[in-house]
Amino acid sequence: MAEVNFPGALPLVQWAWRKMSTQNRKSVLTIIGSTSSVKARSDEAVYVATKHAQAGLARSLGMQADEQKLPVRVALFLPGAMKTPFWNGRDLQADLYVFQ
């Protein structure tokens, strides 16, 4: 997870950022994270760390775009849990959204 969730996404985000920030039209860079990026979870430390990294990158790029008046906006989506076998036998926390 630590080798995929952030390091895997980073080259793609960097490529898109360079392309979007140098063109003369408005665009939106969309990063999909997780609700785990805003709440620590005791049994998911590595996953949470990678999602914190994604959210931090998105927020910082958004600030940079504003400060430099670039034609790029950054959208960060934080979906919650979905009903999958991963959750079998585990209590779902109240802040997680479950879709069937």
Protein backbone atom coordinates (compact mmCIF):
# COMPACT_ATOMS: atom_id res chain seq x y z
CA MET A 1 0.00 0.00 0.00
CA ALA A 2 2.78 2.40 0.92
CA GLU A 3 4.48 1.77 -2.42
CA VAL A 4 1.30 2.29 -4.48
CA ASN A 5 -1.20 4.75 -2.97
CA PHE A 6 1.02 7.84 -2.96
CA PRO A 7 4.18 7.05 -4.94
CA GLY A 8 2.05 5.47 -7.66
CA ALA A 9 -0.18 8.51 -8.05
CA LEU A 10 2.55 11.15 -7.72
CA PRO A 11 4.09 10.85 -11.23
CA LEU A 12 0.65 11.10 -12.84
CA VAL A 13 -0.31 14.13 -10.74
CA GLN A 14 3.03 15.78 -11.52
CA TRP A 15 2.57 15.17 -15.26
CA ALA A 16 -1.00 16.51 -15.23
CA TRP A 17 0.00 19.51 -13.10
CA ARG A 18 2.80 20.53 -15.47
CA LYS A 19 0.51 20.21 -18.48
CA MET A 20 -2.46 21.99 -16.90
CA SER A 21 -0.49 24.82 -15.31
CA THR A 22 1.18 25.81 -18.57
CA GLN A 23 -1.88 25.87 -20.81
CA ASN A 24 -4.07 28.92 -21.24
CA ARG A 25 -7.43 27.37 -20.43
CA LYS A 26 -9.19 26.56 -17.22
CA SER A 27 -8.91 22.98 -16.01
CA VAL A 28 -9.54 20.89 -12.93
CA LEU A 29 -7.07 18.43 -11.47
CA THR A 30 -9.09 15.81 -9.61
CA ILE A 31 -7.55 13.73 -6.84
CA ILE A 32 -9.55 10.96 -5.20
CA GLY A 33 -8.52 10.21 -1.64
CA SER A 34 -10.50 8.79 1.26
CA THR A 35 -12.24 9.91 4.43
CA SER A 36 -9.24 8.27 6.07
CA SER A 37 -7.22 11.30 5.01
CA VAL A 38 -9.01 13.42 7.63
CA LYS A 39 -9.39 10.90 10.44
CA ALA A 40 -6.82 8.60 11.99
CA ARG A 41 -7.80 4.94 12.27
CA SER A 42 -5.99 2.63 14.68
CA ASP A 43 -6.02 -0.43 12.46
CA GLU A 44 -5.18 1.24 9.15
CA ALA A 45 -2.04 3.27 9.89
CA VAL A 46 -0.26 2.81 6.56
CA TYR A 47 -3.42 3.32 4.49
CA VAL A 48 -4.26 6.47 6.48
CA ALA A 49 -0.73 7.80 6.01
CA THR A 50 -0.91 7.39 2.24
CA LYS A 51 -4.32 9.08 2.11
CA HIS A 52 -3.03 11.97 4.27
CA ALA A 53 -0.25 12.38 1.71
CA GLN A 54 -2.73 12.52 -1.19
CA ALA A 55 -4.88 15.10 0.60
CA GLY A 56 -1.87 17.21 1.53
CA LEU A 57 -0.67 17.19 -2.06
CA ALA A 58 -4.10 18.24 -3.36
CA ARG A 59 -4.48 21.03 -0.80
CA SER A 60 -0.99 22.36 -1.41
CA LEU A 61 -1.40 22.32 -5.20
CA GLY A 62 -4.72 24.15 -4.81
CA MET A 63 -3.01 26.84 -2.74
CA GLN A 64 -0.18 27.09 -5.24
CA ALA A 65 -2.61 27.50 -8.13
CA ASP A 66 -4.39 30.31 -6.31
CA GLU A 67 -1.18 32.09 -5.30
CA GLN A 68 0.28 31.88 -8.81
CA LYS A 69 -3.07 32.68 -10.46
CA LEU A 70 -2.86 29.55 -12.60
CA PRO A 71 -5.83 28.37 -14.68
CA VAL A 72 -5.99 25.18 -12.62
CA ARG A 73 -8.34 24.30 -9.79
CA VAL A 74 -7.81 21.22 -7.66
CA ALA A 75 -10.73 19.02 -6.61
CA LEU A 76 -10.20 16.58 -3.76
CA PHE A 77 -12.85 13.90 -3.34
CA LEU A 78 -12.93 11.90 -0.12
CA PRO A 79 -15.29 8.93 -0.45
CA GLY A 80 -16.03 6.81 2.58
CA ALA A 81 -16.17 3.06 2.98
CA MET A 82 -18.19 0.90 0.65
CA LYS A 83 -19.79 -2.41 1.44
CA THR A 84 -17.10 -4.90 0.47
CA PRO A 85 -15.73 -8.09 2.07
CA PHE A 86 -12.96 -5.93 3.60
CA TRP A 87 -15.43 -4.86 6.29
CA ASN A 88 -16.71 -8.37 7.12
CA GLY A 89 -16.45 -8.95 10.85
CA ARG A 90 -15.49 -5.35 11.58
CA ASP A 91 -17.57 -2.62 13.11
CA LEU A 92 -18.17 0.25 10.72
CA GLN A 93 -17.51 3.61 12.32
CA ALA A 94 -20.31 6.16 12.25
CA ASP A 95 -18.37 8.55 10.02
CA LEU A 96 -18.04 6.01 7.22
CA TYR A 97 -20.59 6.01 4.46
CA VAL A 98 -21.73 2.62 3.24
CA PHE A 99 -23.13 2.22 -0.26
CA GLN A 100 -24.72 -0.97 -1.42
